[in-house]
N, C-alpha and C. Protein backbone atom coordinates (compact mmCIF):
# COMPACT_ATOMS: atom_id res chain seq x y z
N MET A 1 134.11 219.30 124.17
CA MET A 1 134.16 218.70 122.88
C MET A 1 135.42 218.75 122.22
N PRO A 2 136.16 217.47 121.92
CA PRO A 2 137.37 217.50 121.62
C PRO A 2 137.57 218.35 119.99
N PRO A 3 138.71 218.66 119.85
CA PRO A 3 138.68 219.40 118.45
C PRO A 3 139.07 218.53 117.42
N LEU A 4 138.61 218.73 116.25
CA LEU A 4 138.45 217.75 115.15
C LEU A 4 139.98 217.89 114.43
N PRO A 5 140.56 216.72 114.01
CA PRO A 5 141.67 216.89 113.52
C PRO A 5 141.49 217.17 111.86
N THR A 6 142.56 217.60 111.18
CA THR A 6 142.47 217.67 109.98
C THR A 6 142.85 216.52 109.27
N LEU A 7 141.80 216.08 108.23
CA LEU A 7 141.82 214.79 107.48
C LEU A 7 141.56 214.90 106.15
N SER A 8 142.12 214.04 105.56
CA SER A 8 141.61 214.03 103.77
C SER A 8 140.57 213.41 103.68
N GLY A 9 139.77 213.44 102.58
CA GLY A 9 138.44 212.73 102.45
C GLY A 9 138.74 211.09 102.41
N LYS A 10 140.00 210.49 101.90
CA LYS A 10 140.19 209.00 101.71
C LYS A 10 140.24 208.71 103.37
N GLU A 11 141.02 209.46 104.09
CA GLU A 11 141.11 209.23 105.58
C GLU A 11 139.82 209.24 106.34
N VAL A 12 138.93 210.10 105.97
CA VAL A 12 137.54 209.96 106.64
C VAL A 12 136.74 208.57 106.23
N VAL A 13 136.95 208.27 104.98
CA VAL A 13 136.28 207.10 104.41
C VAL A 13 136.93 206.19 105.23
N ARG A 14 137.95 205.82 105.49
CA ARG A 14 138.62 204.72 106.26
C ARG A 14 138.12 204.66 107.61
N ILE A 15 138.07 205.95 108.31
CA ILE A 15 137.27 205.76 109.52
C ILE A 15 135.95 205.37 109.67
N PHE A 16 135.22 205.93 108.48
CA PHE A 16 133.85 205.53 108.49
C PHE A 16 133.87 203.84 108.13
N GLU A 17 134.51 203.44 107.44
CA GLU A 17 134.71 201.97 107.30
C GLU A 17 134.92 201.01 108.39
N ARG A 18 135.44 201.59 109.47
CA ARG A 18 135.67 201.11 110.54
C ARG A 18 134.51 200.78 111.35
N PHE A 19 133.36 201.92 111.30
CA PHE A 19 132.23 201.68 111.68
C PHE A 19 131.15 201.05 110.97
N GLY A 20 131.33 200.42 110.03
CA GLY A 20 130.56 199.74 109.22
C GLY A 20 129.93 200.37 108.04
N TRP A 21 130.13 201.63 107.73
CA TRP A 21 129.86 201.97 106.53
C TRP A 21 130.61 201.68 105.19
N GLN A 22 129.88 201.53 104.08
CA GLN A 22 130.77 201.01 102.82
C GLN A 22 130.41 201.93 101.91
N VAL A 23 131.49 202.00 100.79
CA VAL A 23 131.57 202.90 99.74
C VAL A 23 130.56 202.36 98.77
N ALA A 24 129.80 202.82 98.27
CA ALA A 24 128.31 202.57 97.37
C ALA A 24 129.19 203.09 96.00
N ARG A 25 129.52 204.21 95.97
CA ARG A 25 129.88 204.68 94.59
C ARG A 25 130.64 206.02 94.73
N GLN A 26 131.35 206.59 93.67
CA GLN A 26 132.02 207.96 93.72
C GLN A 26 131.27 208.57 92.68
N SER A 27 130.97 209.74 93.06
CA SER A 27 130.26 210.41 91.95
C SER A 27 131.00 212.04 91.92
N GLY A 28 131.71 212.09 90.68
CA GLY A 28 132.90 213.19 90.72
C GLY A 28 133.66 213.19 91.87
N SER A 29 133.67 214.31 92.62
CA SER A 29 134.78 214.48 93.64
C SER A 29 134.17 214.24 95.05
N HIS A 30 132.92 213.31 95.14
CA HIS A 30 132.46 212.83 96.42
C HIS A 30 132.04 211.37 96.60
N ILE A 31 132.57 210.77 97.65
CA ILE A 31 132.39 209.50 97.74
C ILE A 31 131.27 209.25 98.33
N ILE A 32 130.15 208.59 98.09
CA ILE A 32 129.10 207.94 98.76
C ILE A 32 128.99 206.94 99.50
N MET A 33 128.60 206.91 100.78
CA MET A 33 128.84 205.79 101.73
C MET A 33 127.57 205.47 102.22
N ILE A 34 126.99 204.27 102.56
CA ILE A 34 125.82 203.80 103.05
C ILE A 34 126.25 202.83 103.89
N SER A 35 125.03 202.62 104.84
CA SER A 35 125.13 201.57 106.14
C SER A 35 123.96 200.64 106.09
N ASP A 36 124.11 199.39 106.50
CA ASP A 36 122.90 198.77 106.58
C ASP A 36 122.28 199.22 107.95
N GLU A 37 122.77 199.89 108.65
CA GLU A 37 121.86 200.24 109.89
C GLU A 37 121.33 201.58 109.96
N SER A 38 121.35 202.53 108.80
CA SER A 38 120.92 203.69 108.64
C SER A 38 120.47 203.93 107.29
N ILE A 39 119.23 204.77 107.19
CA ILE A 39 118.66 205.07 105.98
C ILE A 39 119.51 206.17 105.44
N ALA A 40 120.21 206.75 106.37
CA ALA A 40 121.31 208.05 105.85
C ALA A 40 122.50 207.72 104.85
N THR A 41 122.72 208.33 103.90
CA THR A 41 123.87 208.35 103.03
C THR A 41 124.83 209.51 103.55
N LEU A 42 126.09 209.24 103.64
CA LEU A 42 127.19 210.29 103.65
C LEU A 42 127.88 210.57 102.26
N SER A 43 128.04 211.87 102.20
CA SER A 43 128.50 212.16 100.79
C SER A 43 130.00 212.65 101.13
N VAL A 44 131.14 212.25 101.20
CA VAL A 44 132.29 212.70 101.65
C VAL A 44 133.06 213.16 100.69
N PRO A 45 133.65 214.49 100.87
CA PRO A 45 134.36 215.11 99.67
C PRO A 45 135.68 214.38 99.52
N ASP A 46 136.02 214.33 98.17
CA ASP A 46 137.57 213.41 98.05
C ASP A 46 138.21 214.65 98.06
N HIS A 47 138.38 215.53 99.08
CA HIS A 47 139.55 216.52 99.11
C HIS A 47 140.87 216.27 99.85
N LYS A 48 141.84 217.06 99.60
CA LYS A 48 143.09 216.90 100.31
C LYS A 48 142.77 217.04 102.08
N GLU A 49 141.82 218.08 102.25
CA GLU A 49 141.65 218.55 103.56
C GLU A 49 139.85 218.56 103.67
N VAL A 50 139.22 217.83 104.31
CA VAL A 50 137.86 218.08 104.69
C VAL A 50 137.65 219.19 105.59
N ALA A 51 136.78 220.17 105.21
CA ALA A 51 136.47 221.38 106.12
C ALA A 51 135.96 220.63 107.62
N LYS A 52 136.31 221.49 108.65
CA LYS A 52 135.88 220.92 109.75
C LYS A 52 134.39 220.75 110.07
N GLY A 53 133.88 221.94 109.61
CA GLY A 53 132.23 221.86 109.68
C GLY A 53 131.73 220.64 108.91
N THR A 54 132.30 220.28 107.61
CA THR A 54 131.62 219.49 106.82
C THR A 54 131.78 217.99 107.66
N LEU A 55 133.13 217.96 108.12
CA LEU A 55 133.23 216.75 108.87
C LEU A 55 132.64 216.45 110.07
N ARG A 56 132.09 217.51 110.83
CA ARG A 56 131.15 217.67 111.95
C ARG A 56 129.94 217.09 111.58
N SER A 57 129.55 217.50 110.49
CA SER A 57 128.21 217.32 109.95
C SER A 57 127.96 215.94 109.49
N LEU A 58 129.05 215.26 108.74
CA LEU A 58 129.11 213.92 108.58
C LEU A 58 128.93 212.92 109.66
N ILE A 59 129.86 213.49 110.76
CA ILE A 59 129.97 212.59 111.81
C ILE A 59 128.27 212.65 112.55
N ARG A 60 127.71 213.70 112.72
CA ARG A 60 126.58 213.91 113.29
C ARG A 60 125.36 212.73 112.41
N ALA A 61 125.46 213.14 111.11
CA ALA A 61 124.66 212.47 110.17
C ALA A 61 124.80 210.60 110.26
N SER A 62 126.01 210.27 110.90
CA SER A 62 126.20 208.89 110.83
C SER A 62 125.69 208.48 112.10
N GLY A 63 125.45 209.17 113.17
CA GLY A 63 125.04 208.73 114.45
C GLY A 63 125.81 208.82 115.58
N LEU A 64 127.22 209.26 114.95
CA LEU A 64 128.17 208.69 115.94
C LEU A 64 128.56 210.19 116.71
N THR A 65 129.46 210.17 117.64
CA THR A 65 129.61 211.42 118.51
C THR A 65 131.05 211.76 117.96
N VAL A 66 131.69 213.00 118.11
CA VAL A 66 133.11 213.57 117.66
C VAL A 66 134.05 212.31 118.36
N THR A 67 133.91 212.35 119.53
CA THR A 67 134.62 211.60 120.51
C THR A 67 134.72 209.80 119.83
N GLU A 68 133.87 209.22 119.61
CA GLU A 68 134.07 208.11 118.84
C GLU A 68 134.64 208.22 117.77
N PHE A 69 134.50 209.07 117.01
CA PHE A 69 134.96 209.10 115.72
C PHE A 69 136.47 209.35 115.79
N ILE A 70 136.89 210.22 116.81
CA ILE A 70 138.38 210.54 117.08
C ILE A 70 139.03 209.24 117.64
N GLU A 71 138.40 208.34 118.39
CA GLU A 71 139.05 207.42 119.17
C GLU A 71 139.34 206.30 118.00
N LYS A 72 138.60 206.06 117.02
CA LYS A 72 139.07 205.02 115.91
C LYS A 72 139.74 205.35 114.77
N ARG A 73 140.29 206.68 115.09
CA ARG A 73 141.37 207.36 114.18
C ARG A 73 142.60 206.57 114.14
């Protein structure tokens, strides 16, 4: 499994948008994303650095693999 890069919340949002996720709203310091293809929602923290465990959890919830996510970066 490739190592996860250190990304900001805005960078994570941009990568998920490439996979068809859309920003639904922002609630405080979290950006809520939705997708037509999934019933799940992603809550991306709008921080300077997203923790690696949090990023891995978001990738898993979106139905992607870490490799797919990194390739779209």
